Amino acid sequence: MNLLDKAKSLVPVLSYDMHKGDCGRLGFFGGCEEYTGAPYFAAISALKLGADLSHIYCEKDAAPIIKSYSPDLIVHPYLRSLENTSGLPENHIDFIHQKIIGTTSKQHAFSIGSGLGRDPNIHKSIALMISHAKNANVPIVLDADSIYIVAQNPQLVSGHKLAILTPNVNEFKTLATALGIDSKPIVENVEKVAKELNGVTIVLKGKQDIITNGISTIYCNQTGGLKRCGGQGDVLSGAIATFLGWGICKSQKRWIENRSEQEISSEELPLLAAYSGCKVTRTASHLTFEKH
């Protein structure tokens, strides 16, 4: 089975026997005073691609704005910036964390970073969620400012084989430098970063997307749109999270297969999900640019 056929096998086989959630429940972490659009792009892209449920965990003051974008999104105003902790207990970081994980137990994958910002109080909550995903073996996509958090403490994600980091060139330089690796964005250095993080999958976004876990490396050369506008990375995060969630749902036999295909191993899933997300996002970007 070739790469594209394997990727296609992650897509759910729909039937009348399925229930809400069988095509993926996803959690998106991000959204602050300055950036409310980014988590919306990530979460709504997942729904448009075919996930069943998208939850957004954002800063309290960002929640009403994000809620107004779409009634399809479930928005939790749990994250708190440093200046917005009035009325919370002294150990509010742990309090917030317990409140969050009390709602995530049925979610199949997380995406963290879209519109996250640099508030140190929010970053403490996010660091706990990254660690929780690793300990619970929940698939996770890390983008934007969550990559900055990982650069500050690589052990948060090191060894989590179901984690995917999606840096652009500048974010890759930050991450590679923190790990003591040459930051030139070439395949050898991307592979070194993945190996240094003990099997985490890296997606270096660029003219061609380099996807590697340090052992296997694949490329996505699908033609994209010529316009490089903001938000495309968030769409990519949502797409990859969707394919990760589908992979988990597939392993849980949440739909009846009516096609001849082999199982997707947990080692293959991050690479296939990343490739699938890149291909879908690039194709959508190309078609949109051609039309508009």
C-alpha atoms as a PDB file:
ATOM      1  CA  MET A   1       0.000   0.000   0.000  1.00  0.00           C
ATOM      2  CA  ASN A   2       1.509   3.343  -1.045  1.00  0.00           C
ATOM      3  CA  LEU A   3       1.655   6.474   1.096  1.00  0.00           C
ATOM      4  CA  LEU A   4      -1.485   8.094  -0.309  1.00  0.00           C
ATOM      5  CA  ASP A   5      -3.534   4.903   0.024  1.00  0.00           C
ATOM      6  CA  LYS A   6      -2.428   4.545   3.638  1.00  0.00           C
ATOM      7  CA  ALA A   7      -3.394   8.161   4.263  1.00  0.00           C
ATOM      8  CA  LYS A   8      -6.814   7.573   2.701  1.00  0.00           C
ATOM      9  CA  SER A   9      -7.363   4.625   5.029  1.00  0.00           C
ATOM     10  CA  LEU A  10      -7.488   7.050   7.978  1.00  0.00           C
ATOM     11  CA  VAL A  11     -10.679   8.629   6.623  1.00  0.00           C
ATOM     12  CA  PRO A  12     -13.788   7.251   8.390  1.00  0.00           C
ATOM     13  CA  VAL A  13     -16.171   4.905   6.608  1.00  0.00           C
ATOM     14  CA  LEU A  14     -19.545   6.511   7.338  1.00  0.00           C
ATOM     15  CA  SER A  15     -22.582   4.426   8.240  1.00  0.00           C
ATOM     16  CA  TYR A  16     -25.943   4.779   9.993  1.00  0.00           C
ATOM     17  CA  ASP A  17     -24.571   2.745  12.906  1.00  0.00           C
ATOM     18  CA  MET A  18     -22.153   5.488  13.978  1.00  0.00           C
ATOM     19  CA  HIS A  19     -22.625   7.839  16.917  1.00  0.00           C
ATOM     20  CA  LYS A  20     -21.615  11.420  17.670  1.00  0.00           C
ATOM     21  CA  GLY A  21     -17.902  11.445  18.367  1.00  0.00           C
ATOM     22  CA  ASP A  22     -17.032   8.375  16.303  1.00  0.00           C
ATOM     23  CA  CYS A  23     -15.364  10.634  13.719  1.00  0.00           C
ATOM     24  CA  GLY A  24     -13.271  12.421  16.300  1.00  0.00           C
ATOM     25  CA  ARG A  25     -13.503  14.651  19.358  1.00  0.00           C
ATOM     26  CA  LEU A  26     -10.717  17.233  19.389  1.00  0.00           C
ATOM     27  CA  GLY A  27      -9.391  19.788  21.864  1.00  0.00           C
ATOM     28  CA  PHE A  28      -7.809  23.056  20.694  1.00  0.00           C
ATOM     29  CA  PHE A  29      -5.790  25.173  23.118  1.00  0.00           C
ATOM     30  CA  GLY A  30      -5.194  28.810  22.223  1.00  0.00           C
ATOM     31  CA  GLY A  31      -6.834  32.183  21.908  1.00  0.00           C
ATOM     32  CA  CYS A  32      -6.002  35.315  23.869  1.00  0.00           C
ATOM     33  CA  GLU A  33      -6.810  39.023  23.851  1.00  0.00           C
ATOM     34  CA  GLU A  34      -4.752  39.695  20.722  1.00  0.00           C
ATOM     35  CA  TYR A  35      -5.437  36.498  18.785  1.00  0.00           C
ATOM     36  CA  THR A  36      -8.991  35.167  18.585  1.00  0.00           C
ATOM     37  CA  GLY A  37      -9.049  34.138  14.926  1.00  0.00           C
ATOM     38  CA  ALA A  38      -6.282  31.533  15.034  1.00  0.00           C
ATOM     39  CA  PRO A  39      -7.992  28.958  17.292  1.00  0.00           C
ATOM     40  CA  TYR A  40     -11.195  29.443  15.308  1.00  0.00           C
ATOM     41  CA  PHE A  41      -9.387  28.637  12.047  1.00  0.00           C
ATOM     42  CA  ALA A  42      -7.881  25.488  13.579  1.00  0.00           C
ATOM     43  CA  ALA A  43     -11.073  24.207  15.193  1.00  0.00           C
ATOM     44  CA  ILE A  44     -13.475  25.044  12.364  1.00  0.00           C
ATOM     45  CA  SER A  45     -11.091  23.487   9.812  1.00  0.00           C
ATOM     46  CA  ALA A  46     -11.296  20.236  11.750  1.00  0.00           C
ATOM     47  CA  LEU A  47     -15.091  20.297  11.563  1.00  0.00           C
ATOM     48  CA  LYS A  48     -15.086  21.162   7.866  1.00  0.00           C
ATOM     49  CA  LEU A  49     -12.693  18.285   7.217  1.00  0.00           C
ATOM     50  CA  GLY A  50     -14.982  15.855   9.017  1.00  0.00           C
ATOM     51  CA  ALA A  51     -14.326  15.743  12.763  1.00  0.00           C
ATOM     52  CA  ASP A  52     -17.455  15.521  14.907  1.00  0.00           C
ATOM     53  CA  LEU A  53     -16.629  17.860  17.792  1.00  0.00           C
ATOM     54  CA  SER A  54     -14.180  20.731  18.321  1.00  0.00           C
ATOM     55  CA  HIS A  55     -13.547  22.121  21.794  1.00  0.00           C
ATOM     56  CA  ILE A  56     -11.558  25.349  22.238  1.00  0.00           C
ATOM     57  CA  TYR A  57      -9.794  26.154  25.517  1.00  0.00           C
ATOM     58  CA  CYS A  58      -8.940  29.844  25.523  1.00  0.00           C
ATOM     59  CA  GLU A  59      -8.270  32.848  27.751  1.00  0.00           C
ATOM     60  CA  LYS A  60     -11.386  33.966  29.587  1.00  0.00           C
ATOM     61  CA  ASP A  61     -11.742  37.335  27.830  1.00  0.00           C
ATOM     62  CA  ALA A  62     -11.267  35.782  24.373  1.00  0.00           C
ATOM     63  CA  ALA A  63     -14.102  33.293  24.820  1.00  0.00           C
ATOM     64  CA  PRO A  64     -17.105  35.535  24.019  1.00  0.00           C
ATOM     65  CA  ILE A  65     -15.452  36.658  20.794  1.00  0.00           C
ATOM     66  CA  ILE A  66     -14.596  33.138  19.678  1.00  0.00           C
ATOM     67  CA  LYS A  67     -18.071  31.907  20.620  1.00  0.00           C
ATOM     68  CA  SER A  68     -19.539  34.541  18.304  1.00  0.00           C
ATOM     69  CA  TYR A  69     -17.679  33.149  15.285  1.00  0.00           C
ATOM     70  CA  SER A  70     -19.601  29.866  15.130  1.00  0.00           C
ATOM     71  CA  PRO A  71     -22.259  27.994  17.117  1.00  0.00           C
ATOM     72  CA  ASP A  72     -20.566  24.737  16.107  1.00  0.00           C
ATOM     73  CA  LEU A  73     -17.603  25.307  18.428  1.00  0.00           C
ATOM     74  CA  ILE A  74     -17.600  24.397  22.122  1.00  0.00           C
ATOM     75  CA  VAL A  75     -15.634  27.166  23.820  1.00  0.00           C
ATOM     76  CA  HIS A  76     -14.221  26.814  27.342  1.00  0.00           C
ATOM     77  CA  PRO A  77     -13.008  30.106  28.955  1.00  0.00           C
ATOM     78  CA  TYR A  78     -10.591  28.361  31.317  1.00  0.00           C
ATOM     79  CA  LEU A  79      -7.139  29.808  30.562  1.00  0.00           C
ATOM     80  CA  ARG A  80      -6.227  32.917  32.539  1.00  0.00           C
ATOM     81  CA  SER A  81      -3.664  35.580  31.752  1.00  0.00           C
ATOM     82  CA  LEU A  82      -1.497  36.926  34.566  1.00  0.00           C
ATOM     83  CA  GLU A  83      -3.685  40.007  34.924  1.00  0.00           C
ATOM     84  CA  ASN A  84      -6.928  38.022  34.911  1.00  0.00           C
ATOM     85  CA  THR A  85      -6.619  35.792  37.982  1.00  0.00           C
ATOM     86  CA  SER A  86      -8.875  37.709  40.359  1.00  0.00           C
ATOM     87  CA  GLY A  87     -11.149  35.424  42.355  1.00  0.00           C
ATOM     88  CA  LEU A  88      -9.097  32.292  41.712  1.00  0.00           C
ATOM     89  CA  PRO A  89      -7.464  30.261  44.512  1.00  0.00           C
ATOM     90  CA  GLU A  90      -3.762  30.689  45.259  1.00  0.00           C
ATOM     91  CA  ASN A  91      -2.971  27.418  43.495  1.00  0.00           C
ATOM     92  CA  HIS A  92      -5.011  28.512  40.480  1.00  0.00           C
ATOM     93  CA  ILE A  93      -2.738  26.848  37.902  1.00  0.00           C
ATOM     94  CA  ASP A  94      -3.517  23.412  39.354  1.00  0.00           C
ATOM     95  CA  PHE A  95      -7.162  24.423  39.791  1.00  0.00           C
ATOM     96  CA  ILE A  96      -7.413  25.396  36.109  1.00  0.00           C
ATOM     97  CA  HIS A  97      -5.586  22.242  35.005  1.00  0.00           C
ATOM     98  CA  GLN A  98      -7.960  19.952  36.879  1.00  0.00           C
ATOM     99  CA  LYS A  99     -10.916  21.839  35.433  1.00  0.00           C
ATOM    100  CA  ILE A 100      -9.560  21.353  31.905  1.00  0.00           C
ATOM    101  CA  ILE A 101      -8.649  17.672  32.117  1.00  0.00           C
ATOM    102  CA  GLY A 102     -12.064  16.979  33.604  1.00  0.00           C
ATOM    103  CA  THR A 103     -13.490  17.752  30.148  1.00  0.00           C
ATOM    104  CA  THR A 104     -10.849  16.152  27.909  1.00  0.00           C
ATOM    105  CA  SER A 105     -11.024  12.463  28.810  1.00  0.00           C
ATOM    106  CA  LYS A 106     -13.082  11.533  25.731  1.00  0.00           C
ATOM    107  CA  GLN A 107     -11.092  13.627  23.270  1.00  0.00           C
ATOM    108  CA  HIS A 108      -8.990  11.770  20.721  1.00  0.00           C
ATOM    109  CA  ALA A 109      -6.328  14.409  19.996  1.00  0.00           C
ATOM    110  CA  PHE A 110      -5.198  17.883  21.047  1.00  0.00           C
ATOM    111  CA  SER A 111      -3.892  20.836  19.055  1.00  0.00           C
ATOM    112  CA  ILE A 112      -2.021  23.455  21.076  1.00  0.00           C
ATOM    113  CA  GLY A 113      -0.658  26.849  20.109  1.00  0.00           C
ATOM    114  CA  SER A 114      -2.986  28.645  17.699  1.00  0.00           C
ATOM    115  CA  GLY A 115      -3.349  32.202  19.000  1.00  0.00           C
ATOM    116  CA  LEU A 116      -1.766  31.241  22.309  1.00  0.00           C
ATOM    117  CA  GLY A 117       0.328  34.361  22.853  1.00  0.00           C
ATOM    118  CA  ARG A 118       3.200  34.758  25.316  1.00  0.00           C
ATOM    119  CA  ASP A 119       1.474  35.300  28.663  1.00  0.00           C
ATOM    120  CA  PRO A 120       3.540  33.427  31.309  1.00  0.00           C
ATOM    121  CA  ASN A 121       0.499  32.366  33.316  1.00  0.00           C
ATOM    122  CA  ILE A 122      -1.158  30.800  30.281  1.00  0.00           C
ATOM    123  CA  HIS A 123       2.131  29.112  29.402  1.00  0.00           C
ATOM    124  CA  LYS A 124       2.172  27.399  32.815  1.00  0.00           C
ATOM    125  CA  SER A 125      -1.238  25.876  32.086  1.00  0.00           C
ATOM    126  CA  ILE A 126      -0.158  24.834  28.606  1.00  0.00           C
ATOM    127  CA  ALA A 127       3.032  23.203  29.895  1.00  0.00           C
ATOM    128  CA  LEU A 128       0.873  21.072  32.188  1.00  0.00           C
ATOM    129  CA  MET A 129      -1.370  20.093  29.254  1.00  0.00           C
ATOM    130  CA  ILE A 130       1.601  19.087  27.095  1.00  0.00           C
ATOM    131  CA  SER A 131       2.900  16.963  29.963  1.00  0.00           C
ATOM    132  CA  HIS A 132      -0.575  15.479  30.493  1.00  0.00           C
ATOM    133  CA  ALA A 133      -0.839  14.534  26.806  1.00  0.00           C
ATOM    134  CA  LYS A 134       2.532  12.804  26.990  1.00  0.00           C
ATOM    135  CA  ASN A 135       1.699  10.887  30.179  1.00  0.00           C
ATOM    136  CA  ALA A 136      -1.750   9.880  28.890  1.00  0.00           C
ATOM    137  CA  ASN A 137      -0.379   9.093  25.395  1.00  0.00           C
ATOM    138  CA  VAL A 138      -2.848  11.472  23.747  1.00  0.00           C
ATOM    139  CA  PRO A 139      -1.883  12.533  20.191  1.00  0.00           C
ATOM    140  CA  ILE A 140      -0.960  16.195  20.090  1.00  0.00           C
ATOM    141  CA  VAL A 141      -0.118  18.856  17.502  1.00  0.00           C
ATOM    142  CA  LEU A 142       2.106  21.713  18.688  1.00  0.00           C
ATOM    143  CA  ASP A 143       2.374  24.942  16.715  1.00  0.00           C
ATOM    144  CA  ALA A 144       3.242  28.617  17.129  1.00  0.00           C
ATOM    145  CA  ASP A 145       3.929  29.694  20.728  1.00  0.00           C
ATOM    146  CA  SER A 146       3.624  26.158  22.075  1.00  0.00           C
ATOM    147  CA  ILE A 147       6.866  25.451  20.187  1.00  0.00           C
ATOM    148  CA  TYR A 148       8.434  28.283  22.196  1.00  0.00           C
ATOM    149  CA  ILE A 149       7.269  26.506  25.376  1.00  0.00           C
ATOM    150  CA  VAL A 150       8.870  23.255  24.196  1.00  0.00           C
ATOM    151  CA  ALA A 151      12.085  25.099  23.338  1.00  0.00           C
ATOM    152  CA  GLN A 152      12.218  26.301  26.954  1.00  0.00           C
ATOM    153  CA  ASN A 153      11.678  22.764  28.290  1.00  0.00           C
ATOM    154  CA  PRO A 154      12.134  20.006  25.676  1.00  0.00           C
ATOM    155  CA  GLN A 155      11.488  17.259  28.243  1.00  0.00           C
ATOM    156  CA  LEU A 156       7.812  18.217  28.212  1.00  0.00           C
ATOM    157  CA  VAL A 157       7.386  16.445  24.887  1.00  0.00           C
ATOM    158  CA  SER A 158      10.542  14.334  24.499  1.00  0.00           C
ATOM    159  CA  GLY A 159       9.705  10.697  23.875  1.00  0.00           C
ATOM    160  CA  HIS A 160       6.036  11.303  23.102  1.00  0.00           C
ATOM    161  CA  LYS A 161       5.767   9.314  19.886  1.00  0.00           C
ATOM    162  CA  LEU A 162       2.284  10.675  19.102  1.00  0.00           C
ATOM    163  CA  ALA A 163       3.406  14.313  19.230  1.00  0.00           C
ATOM    164  CA  ILE A 164       3.773  16.418  16.074  1.00  0.00           C
ATOM    165  CA  LEU A 165       5.499  19.810  16.020  1.00  0.00           C
ATOM    166  CA  THR A 166       4.771  22.054  13.019  1.00  0.00           C
ATOM    167  CA  PRO A 167       7.366  24.862  13.031  1.00  0.00           C
ATOM    168  CA  ASN A 168       7.897  27.433  10.332  1.00  0.00           C
ATOM    169  CA  VAL A 169      11.491  28.408   9.553  1.00  0.00           C
ATOM    170  CA  ASN A 170      11.824  30.877  12.432  1.00  0.00           C
ATOM    171  CA  GLU A 171      10.192  28.547  14.955  1.00  0.00           C
ATOM    172  CA  PHE A 172      12.483  25.756  13.797  1.00  0.00           C
ATOM    173  CA  LYS A 173      15.511  27.962  14.401  1.00  0.00           C
ATOM    174  CA  THR A 174      14.315  28.648  17.949  1.00  0.00           C
ATOM    175  CA  LEU A 175      13.765  24.948  18.625  1.00  0.00           C
ATOM    176  CA  ALA A 176      16.992  23.733  17.020  1.00  0.00           C
ATOM    177  CA  THR A 177      19.084  26.362  18.799  1.00  0.00           C
ATOM    178  CA  ALA A 178      17.574  25.368  22.148  1.00  0.00           C
ATOM    179  CA  LEU A 179      18.608  21.769  21.444  1.00  0.00           C
ATOM    180  CA  GLY A 180      22.134  22.745  20.379  1.00  0.00           C
ATOM    181  CA  ILE A 181      21.536  21.745  16.755  1.00  0.00           C
ATOM    182  CA  ASP A 182      22.419  23.697  13.608  1.00  0.00           C
ATOM    183  CA  SER A 183      19.333  25.786  12.842  1.00  0.00           C
ATOM    184  CA  LYS A 184      19.728  25.799   9.053  1.00  0.00           C
ATOM    185  CA  PRO A 185      16.370  24.470   7.758  1.00  0.00           C
ATOM    186  CA  ILE A 186      17.631  21.424   5.862  1.00  0.00           C
ATOM    187  CA  VAL A 187      16.452  17.839   6.142  1.00  0.00           C
ATOM    188  CA  GLU A 188      19.503  16.606   8.066  1.00  0.00           C
ATOM    189  CA  ASN A 189      18.937  19.145  10.824  1.00  0.00           C
ATOM    190  CA  VAL A 190      15.203  18.456  10.985  1.00  0.00           C
ATOM    191  CA  GLU A 191      15.984  14.762  11.454  1.00  0.00           C
ATOM    192  CA  LYS A 192      18.476  15.628  14.204  1.00  0.00           C
ATOM    193  CA  VAL A 193      15.840  17.643  16.067  1.00  0.00           C
ATOM    194  CA  ALA A 194      13.358  14.754  15.853  1.00  0.00           C
ATOM    195  CA  LYS A 195      15.994  12.314  17.124  1.00  0.00           C
ATOM    196  CA  GLU A 196      16.997  14.657  19.946  1.00  0.00           C
ATOM    197  CA  LEU A 197      13.338  14.728  21.005  1.00  0.00           C
ATOM    198  CA  ASN A 198      13.300  10.914  20.971  1.00  0.00           C
ATOM    199  CA  GLY A 199      10.872  10.202  18.169  1.00  0.00           C
ATOM    200  CA  VAL A 200       8.648  13.263  18.122  1.00  0.00           C
ATOM    201  CA  THR A 201       7.499  14.021  14.561  1.00  0.00           C
ATOM    202  CA  ILE A 202       8.620  17.343  13.080  1.00  0.00           C
ATOM    203  CA  VAL A 203       6.841  19.031  10.167  1.00  0.00           C
ATOM    204  CA  LEU A 204       9.042  21.815   8.842  1.00  0.00           C
ATOM    205  CA  LYS A 205       6.736  23.976   6.747  1.00  0.00           C
ATOM    206  CA  GLY A 206       8.176  25.473   3.587  1.00  0.00           C
ATOM    207  CA  LYS A 207       8.273  25.244  -0.208  1.00  0.00           C
ATOM    208  CA  GLN A 208       8.121  21.516   0.432  1.00  0.00           C
ATOM    209  CA  ASP A 209       7.073  20.211   3.827  1.00  0.00           C
ATOM    210  CA  ILE A 210       9.672  17.998   5.493  1.00  0.00           C
ATOM    211  CA  ILE A 211       8.081  15.393   7.768  1.00  0.00           C
ATOM    212  CA  THR A 212      10.297  13.200   9.948  1.00  0.00           C
ATOM    213  CA  ASN A 213      10.448  11.310  13.222  1.00  0.00           C
ATOM    214  CA  GLY A 214      14.213  11.008  12.969  1.00  0.00           C
ATOM    215  CA  ILE A 215      14.050   7.518  11.472  1.00  0.00           C
ATOM    216  CA  SER A 216      11.619   7.853   8.564  1.00  0.00           C
ATOM    217  CA  THR A 217      11.396  11.005   6.452  1.00  0.00           C
ATOM    218  CA  ILE A 218       8.740  11.891   3.887  1.00  0.00           C
ATOM    219  CA  TYR A 219       7.949  15.027   1.919  1.00  0.00           C
ATOM    220  CA  CYS A 220       4.796  16.794   0.832  1.00  0.00           C
ATOM    221  CA  ASN A 221       5.311  18.552  -2.491  1.00  0.00           C
ATOM    222  CA  GLN A 222       1.640  19.148  -3.254  1.00  0.00           C
ATOM    223  CA  THR A 223       1.198  22.482  -5.041  1.00  0.00           C
ATOM    224  CA  GLY A 224      -0.143  25.134  -2.685  1.00  0.00           C
ATOM    225  CA  GLY A 225      -1.467  28.650  -3.187  1.00  0.00           C
ATOM    226  CA  LEU A 226       0.919  31.492  -4.001  1.00  0.00           C
ATOM    227  CA  LYS A 227      -0.557  33.748  -1.305  1.00  0.00           C
ATOM    228  CA  ARG A 228       1.059  33.156   2.075  1.00  0.00           C
ATOM    229  CA  CYS A 229      -1.512  34.777   4.344  1.00  0.00           C
ATOM    230  CA  GLY A 230      -1.920  34.370   8.077  1.00  0.00           C
ATOM    231  CA  GLY A 231      -4.018  31.493   9.348  1.00  0.00           C
ATOM    232  CA  GLN A 232      -2.844  28.742   7.005  1.00  0.00           C
ATOM    233  CA  GLY A 233      -0.705  27.223   9.738  1.00  0.00           C
ATOM    234  CA  ASP A 234      -3.772  27.098  11.977  1.00  0.00           C
ATOM    235  CA  VAL A 235      -5.752  25.349   9.245  1.00  0.00           C
ATOM    236  CA  LEU A 236      -2.888  22.852   8.988  1.00  0.00           C
ATOM    237  CA  SER A 237      -2.936  22.231  12.750  1.00  0.00           C
ATOM    238  CA  GLY A 238      -6.664  21.528  12.589  1.00  0.00           C
ATOM    239  CA  ALA A 239      -6.243  19.172   9.647  1.00  0.00           C
ATOM    240  CA  ILE A 240      -3.404  17.203  11.235  1.00  0.00           C
ATOM    241  CA  ALA A 241      -5.296  16.948  14.526  1.00  0.00           C
ATOM    242  CA  THR A 242      -8.289  15.582  12.620  1.00  0.00           C
ATOM    243  CA  PHE A 243      -6.252  12.841  10.955  1.00  0.00           C
ATOM    244  CA  LEU A 244      -4.634  11.984  14.299  1.00  0.00           C
ATOM    245  CA  GLY A 245      -8.074  11.710  15.874  1.00  0.00           C
ATOM    246  CA  TRP A 246      -9.279   9.534  13.015  1.00  0.00           C
ATOM    247  CA  GLY A 247      -6.296   7.262  13.538  1.00  0.00           C
ATOM    248  CA  ILE A 248      -7.266   6.750  17.166  1.00  0.00           C
ATOM    249  CA  CYS A 249     -10.935   6.203  16.253  1.00  0.00           C
ATOM    250  CA  LYS A 250      -9.874   3.689  13.605  1.00  0.00           C
ATOM    251  CA  SER A 251      -7.800   1.769  16.162  1.00  0.00           C
ATOM    252  CA  GLN A 252     -10.832   1.715  18.479  1.00  0.00           C
ATOM    253  CA  LYS A 253     -12.962   0.167  15.698  1.00  0.00           C
ATOM    254  CA  ARG A 254     -15.440   3.044  15.770  1.00  0.00           C
ATOM    255  CA  TRP A 255     -16.536   2.297  12.222  1.00  0.00           C
ATOM    256  CA  ILE A 256     -16.924  -0.838  10.125  1.00  0.00           C
ATOM    257  CA  GLU A 257     -14.326  -1.128   7.393  1.00  0.00           C
ATOM    258  CA  ASN A 258     -15.704  -2.067   3.978  1.00  0.00           C
ATOM    259  CA  ARG A 259     -12.424  -1.768   2.148  1.00  0.00           C
ATOM    260  CA  SER A 260      -9.356  -3.959   1.996  1.00  0.00           C
ATOM    261  CA  GLU A 261      -6.579  -2.303   3.957  1.00  0.00           C
ATOM    262  CA  GLN A 262      -3.899  -2.971   6.511  1.00  0.00           C
ATOM    263  CA  GLU A 263      -3.805  -1.663  10.054  1.00  0.00           C
ATOM    264  CA  ILE A 264      -1.988   1.601  10.757  1.00  0.00           C
ATOM    265  CA  SER A 265       0.557   1.196  13.544  1.00  0.00           C
ATOM    266  CA  SER A 266       1.019   3.821  16.252  1.00  0.00           C
ATOM    267  CA  GLU A 267       4.502   4.444  14.820  1.00  0.00           C
ATOM    268  CA  GLU A 268       3.075   5.202  11.368  1.00  0.00           C
ATOM    269  CA  LEU A 269       0.159   7.337  12.524  1.00  0.00           C
ATOM    270  CA  PRO A 270       1.962  10.658  13.192  1.00  0.00           C
ATOM    271  CA  LEU A 271       3.785  10.555   9.853  1.00  0.00           C
ATOM    272  CA  LEU A 272       0.596   9.703   7.949  1.00  0.00           C
ATOM    273  CA  ALA A 273      -1.497  12.271   9.824  1.00  0.00           C
ATOM    274  CA  ALA A 274       1.097  14.965   9.198  1.00  0.00           C
ATOM    275  CA  TYR A 275       1.386  14.086   5.501  1.00  0.00           C
ATOM    276  CA  SER A 276      -2.398  13.970   5.098  1.00  0.00           C
ATOM    277  CA  GLY A 277      -2.865  17.316   6.827  1.00  0.00           C
ATOM    278  CA  CYS A 278      -0.176  18.930   4.691  1.00  0.00           C
ATOM    279  CA  LYS A 279      -1.638  17.540   1.475  1.00  0.00           C
ATOM    280  CA  VAL A 280      -5.196  18.644   2.276  1.00  0.00           C
ATOM    281  CA  THR A 281      -4.124  22.126   3.390  1.00  0.00           C
ATOM    282  CA  ARG A 282      -1.891  22.701   0.365  1.00  0.00           C
ATOM    283  CA  THR A 283      -4.599  21.475  -2.009  1.00  0.00           C
ATOM    284  CA  ALA A 284      -7.218  23.725  -0.407  1.00  0.00           C
ATOM    285  CA  SER A 285      -4.844  26.694  -0.548  1.00  0.00           C
ATOM    286  CA  HIS A 286      -4.118  26.062  -4.228  1.00  0.00           C
ATOM    287  CA  LEU A 287      -7.778  25.698  -5.203  1.00  0.00           C
ATOM    288  CA  THR A 288      -8.737  28.805  -3.238  1.00  0.00           C
ATOM    289  CA  PHE A 289      -5.994  30.882  -4.839  1.00  0.00           C
ATOM    290  CA  GLU A 290      -6.950  29.679  -8.311  1.00  0.00           C
ATOM    291  CA  LYS A 291     -10.582  30.639  -7.699  1.00  0.00           C
ATOM    292  CA  HIS A 292     -10.127  33.969  -5.934  1.00  0.00           C
END
